[in-house]
N, C-alpha and C. Protein backbone atom coordinates (compact mmCIF):
# COMPACT_ATOMS: atom_id res chain seq x y z
N MET A 1 0.84 -1.16 0.00
CA MET A 1 0.00 0.00 0.00
C MET A 1 0.90 1.23 0.00
N ASN A 2 0.53 2.18 -0.84
CA ASN A 2 1.27 3.44 -0.91
C ASN A 2 0.48 4.51 -0.15
N LEU A 3 1.13 5.14 0.82
CA LEU A 3 0.50 6.18 1.63
C LEU A 3 1.12 7.52 1.29
N LEU A 4 0.28 8.52 1.12
CA LEU A 4 0.72 9.88 0.84
C LEU A 4 0.20 10.79 1.95
N TYR A 5 1.08 11.62 2.51
CA TYR A 5 0.71 12.52 3.60
C TYR A 5 0.86 13.96 3.14
N PHE A 6 -0.07 14.82 3.59
CA PHE A 6 -0.07 16.20 3.15
C PHE A 6 -0.11 17.17 4.32
N ALA A 7 0.46 18.35 4.10
CA ALA A 7 0.41 19.50 5.01
C ALA A 7 0.85 19.13 6.42
N MET A 8 0.04 19.46 7.42
CA MET A 8 0.41 19.25 8.82
C MET A 8 0.63 17.77 9.15
N ILE A 9 -0.06 16.89 8.48
CA ILE A 9 0.15 15.46 8.72
C ILE A 9 1.55 15.07 8.26
N ARG A 10 1.95 15.53 7.10
CA ARG A 10 3.30 15.27 6.60
C ARG A 10 4.35 15.80 7.58
N GLU A 11 4.13 16.99 8.09
CA GLU A 11 5.07 17.60 9.03
C GLU A 11 5.14 16.82 10.34
N SER A 12 4.01 16.36 10.85
CA SER A 12 4.00 15.59 12.09
C SER A 12 4.71 14.25 11.95
N ILE A 13 4.47 13.57 10.84
CA ILE A 13 5.06 12.25 10.63
C ILE A 13 6.52 12.36 10.22
N GLY A 14 6.84 13.41 9.48
CA GLY A 14 8.23 13.61 9.06
C GLY A 14 8.56 13.04 7.70
N LYS A 15 7.54 12.69 6.94
CA LYS A 15 7.75 12.21 5.57
C LYS A 15 6.50 12.45 4.75
N SER A 16 6.66 12.54 3.45
CA SER A 16 5.53 12.81 2.58
C SER A 16 4.85 11.54 2.07
N SER A 17 5.56 10.41 2.16
CA SER A 17 4.96 9.16 1.68
C SER A 17 5.70 7.98 2.30
N GLU A 18 5.06 6.84 2.21
CA GLU A 18 5.69 5.58 2.61
C GLU A 18 4.90 4.43 2.01
N THR A 19 5.57 3.31 1.88
CA THR A 19 4.93 2.09 1.41
C THR A 19 4.92 1.10 2.57
N ILE A 20 3.75 0.53 2.84
CA ILE A 20 3.63 -0.44 3.92
C ILE A 20 2.90 -1.68 3.41
N ASP A 21 3.11 -2.78 4.12
CA ASP A 21 2.31 -3.98 3.92
C ASP A 21 1.20 -3.93 4.96
N LEU A 22 0.00 -3.91 4.49
CA LEU A 22 -1.16 -3.80 5.36
C LEU A 22 -1.33 -5.08 6.18
N PRO A 23 -1.41 -4.97 7.51
CA PRO A 23 -1.67 -6.17 8.33
C PRO A 23 -3.02 -6.79 7.96
N ASP A 24 -3.14 -8.08 8.12
CA ASP A 24 -4.37 -8.80 7.75
C ASP A 24 -5.61 -8.28 8.47
N HIS A 25 -5.46 -7.80 9.70
CA HIS A 25 -6.62 -7.36 10.48
C HIS A 25 -7.13 -5.98 10.07
N VAL A 26 -6.37 -5.24 9.27
CA VAL A 26 -6.79 -3.89 8.86
C VAL A 26 -7.61 -4.00 7.58
N LYS A 27 -8.88 -3.60 7.67
CA LYS A 27 -9.81 -3.76 6.54
C LYS A 27 -10.42 -2.45 6.08
N SER A 28 -10.27 -1.36 6.88
CA SER A 28 -10.93 -0.09 6.57
C SER A 28 -9.98 1.08 6.80
N VAL A 29 -10.40 2.26 6.32
CA VAL A 29 -9.62 3.47 6.55
C VAL A 29 -9.45 3.70 8.04
N SER A 30 -10.51 3.54 8.81
CA SER A 30 -10.43 3.71 10.26
C SER A 30 -9.41 2.76 10.88
N GLY A 31 -9.45 1.51 10.46
CA GLY A 31 -8.48 0.53 10.94
C GLY A 31 -7.06 0.89 10.55
N LEU A 32 -6.89 1.45 9.37
CA LEU A 32 -5.57 1.88 8.92
C LEU A 32 -5.04 3.00 9.81
N LEU A 33 -5.88 3.99 10.11
CA LEU A 33 -5.45 5.09 10.96
C LEU A 33 -5.07 4.58 12.35
N THR A 34 -5.85 3.66 12.88
CA THR A 34 -5.53 3.07 14.19
C THR A 34 -4.21 2.33 14.12
N TYR A 35 -4.00 1.56 13.07
CA TYR A 35 -2.73 0.84 12.91
C TYR A 35 -1.56 1.82 12.82
N LEU A 36 -1.71 2.88 12.03
CA LEU A 36 -0.63 3.84 11.88
C LEU A 36 -0.29 4.51 13.21
N GLU A 37 -1.29 4.76 14.03
CA GLU A 37 -1.04 5.36 15.35
C GLU A 37 -0.17 4.46 16.22
N SER A 38 -0.18 3.16 15.96
CA SER A 38 0.65 2.24 16.74
C SER A 38 2.13 2.34 16.36
N LYS A 39 2.43 3.09 15.31
CA LYS A 39 3.81 3.22 14.85
C LYS A 39 4.61 4.29 15.60
N GLY A 40 3.95 5.05 16.49
CA GLY A 40 4.71 6.00 17.29
C GLY A 40 3.99 7.30 17.57
N ASP A 41 4.60 8.09 18.45
CA ASP A 41 3.99 9.34 18.88
C ASP A 41 3.75 10.32 17.74
N ASN A 42 4.64 10.35 16.76
CA ASN A 42 4.45 11.28 15.65
C ASN A 42 3.19 10.94 14.85
N TYR A 43 2.86 9.66 14.74
CA TYR A 43 1.63 9.25 14.06
C TYR A 43 0.41 9.55 14.93
N ILE A 44 0.53 9.33 16.23
CA ILE A 44 -0.58 9.65 17.14
C ILE A 44 -0.92 11.13 17.03
N SER A 45 0.11 11.96 17.03
CA SER A 45 -0.10 13.41 16.90
C SER A 45 -0.73 13.76 15.56
N ALA A 46 -0.27 13.14 14.49
CA ALA A 46 -0.77 13.44 13.14
C ALA A 46 -2.24 13.10 12.98
N PHE A 47 -2.69 12.04 13.64
CA PHE A 47 -4.07 11.57 13.47
C PHE A 47 -4.95 11.82 14.69
N ALA A 48 -4.56 12.79 15.52
CA ALA A 48 -5.30 13.07 16.76
C ALA A 48 -6.75 13.44 16.49
N GLN A 49 -7.02 14.08 15.37
CA GLN A 49 -8.40 14.47 15.04
C GLN A 49 -8.88 13.63 13.86
N ASP A 50 -8.89 12.31 14.04
CA ASP A 50 -9.22 11.43 12.92
C ASP A 50 -10.62 11.63 12.37
N ASP A 51 -11.53 12.20 13.16
CA ASP A 51 -12.87 12.47 12.66
C ASP A 51 -12.90 13.65 11.70
N LEU A 52 -11.82 14.46 11.67
CA LEU A 52 -11.75 15.61 10.77
C LEU A 52 -10.81 15.38 9.58
N ILE A 53 -10.04 14.31 9.64
CA ILE A 53 -9.08 14.01 8.56
C ILE A 53 -9.84 13.59 7.31
N ARG A 54 -9.33 14.00 6.17
CA ARG A 54 -9.89 13.61 4.88
C ARG A 54 -8.98 12.56 4.26
N VAL A 55 -9.60 11.54 3.67
CA VAL A 55 -8.84 10.44 3.09
C VAL A 55 -9.35 10.18 1.68
N ALA A 56 -8.40 9.98 0.76
CA ALA A 56 -8.74 9.58 -0.60
C ALA A 56 -8.12 8.21 -0.85
N VAL A 57 -8.91 7.31 -1.37
CA VAL A 57 -8.44 5.99 -1.77
C VAL A 57 -8.48 5.96 -3.29
N ASN A 58 -7.33 5.76 -3.88
CA ASN A 58 -7.21 5.74 -5.34
C ASN A 58 -7.83 7.00 -5.97
N GLN A 59 -7.52 8.13 -5.35
CA GLN A 59 -7.89 9.47 -5.83
C GLN A 59 -9.37 9.78 -5.73
N GLU A 60 -10.09 9.08 -4.84
CA GLU A 60 -11.49 9.39 -4.58
C GLU A 60 -11.68 9.53 -3.08
N TYR A 61 -12.28 10.67 -2.65
CA TYR A 61 -12.54 10.87 -1.23
C TYR A 61 -13.50 9.81 -0.72
N VAL A 62 -13.18 9.27 0.46
CA VAL A 62 -13.99 8.21 1.06
C VAL A 62 -14.18 8.47 2.54
N GLY A 63 -15.09 7.74 3.16
CA GLY A 63 -15.33 7.81 4.59
C GLY A 63 -14.43 6.85 5.35
N LEU A 64 -14.49 6.94 6.67
CA LEU A 64 -13.63 6.12 7.52
C LEU A 64 -13.96 4.63 7.45
N ASN A 65 -15.17 4.28 7.01
CA ASN A 65 -15.55 2.87 6.93
C ASN A 65 -15.21 2.23 5.58
N HIS A 66 -14.64 3.01 4.67
CA HIS A 66 -14.30 2.50 3.34
C HIS A 66 -13.25 1.39 3.44
N ALA A 67 -13.43 0.34 2.67
CA ALA A 67 -12.49 -0.79 2.66
C ALA A 67 -11.17 -0.40 2.01
N VAL A 68 -10.07 -0.98 2.52
CA VAL A 68 -8.74 -0.75 1.95
C VAL A 68 -8.04 -2.09 1.73
N THR A 69 -7.13 -2.09 0.74
CA THR A 69 -6.32 -3.27 0.44
C THR A 69 -4.88 -2.83 0.18
N ASN A 70 -3.98 -3.78 0.10
CA ASN A 70 -2.57 -3.48 -0.20
C ASN A 70 -2.38 -2.88 -1.58
N ALA A 71 -3.33 -3.03 -2.46
CA ALA A 71 -3.21 -2.50 -3.82
C ALA A 71 -3.58 -1.02 -3.90
N ASP A 72 -4.10 -0.45 -2.82
CA ASP A 72 -4.60 0.93 -2.83
C ASP A 72 -3.50 1.97 -2.64
N GLU A 73 -3.78 3.15 -3.18
CA GLU A 73 -3.02 4.34 -2.85
C GLU A 73 -3.90 5.18 -1.95
N ILE A 74 -3.40 5.51 -0.77
CA ILE A 74 -4.16 6.25 0.23
C ILE A 74 -3.51 7.61 0.43
N ALA A 75 -4.28 8.66 0.25
CA ALA A 75 -3.81 10.02 0.51
C ALA A 75 -4.54 10.52 1.75
N ILE A 76 -3.77 11.07 2.70
CA ILE A 76 -4.34 11.52 3.96
C ILE A 76 -4.09 13.02 4.11
N PHE A 77 -5.18 13.75 4.32
CA PHE A 77 -5.14 15.21 4.38
C PHE A 77 -5.58 15.67 5.77
N PRO A 78 -5.04 16.78 6.25
CA PRO A 78 -5.49 17.33 7.54
C PRO A 78 -6.86 17.97 7.38
N PRO A 79 -7.47 18.34 8.50
CA PRO A 79 -8.74 19.05 8.41
C PRO A 79 -8.59 20.27 7.51
N MET A 80 -9.60 20.50 6.70
CA MET A 80 -9.57 21.63 5.77
C MET A 80 -10.30 22.81 6.38
N THR A 81 -9.76 23.99 6.13
CA THR A 81 -10.45 25.21 6.52
C THR A 81 -10.65 26.04 5.28
N GLY A 82 -11.66 26.83 5.30
CA GLY A 82 -11.95 27.64 4.13
C GLY A 82 -12.06 29.11 4.50
N GLY A 83 -12.15 29.90 3.49
CA GLY A 83 -12.27 31.31 3.77
C GLY A 83 -12.58 32.11 2.53
């Protein structure tokens, strides 16, 4: 799975992308975020407001219950503000 991080999330984690092998128990975007938080404090900080994070799977915005697989490209965006 290819993960892409943007803006404040990228800054918190310290990288703009990474490739991971998805654990068998991770089946959804929500599960992915929980798994990533287990990788350390920088990930916990990056995903602290997971209900406000925007996620795209294969370039389409999806909800936290959307299914994920190792073949997916996941882009994770911080909460958006407008003006």
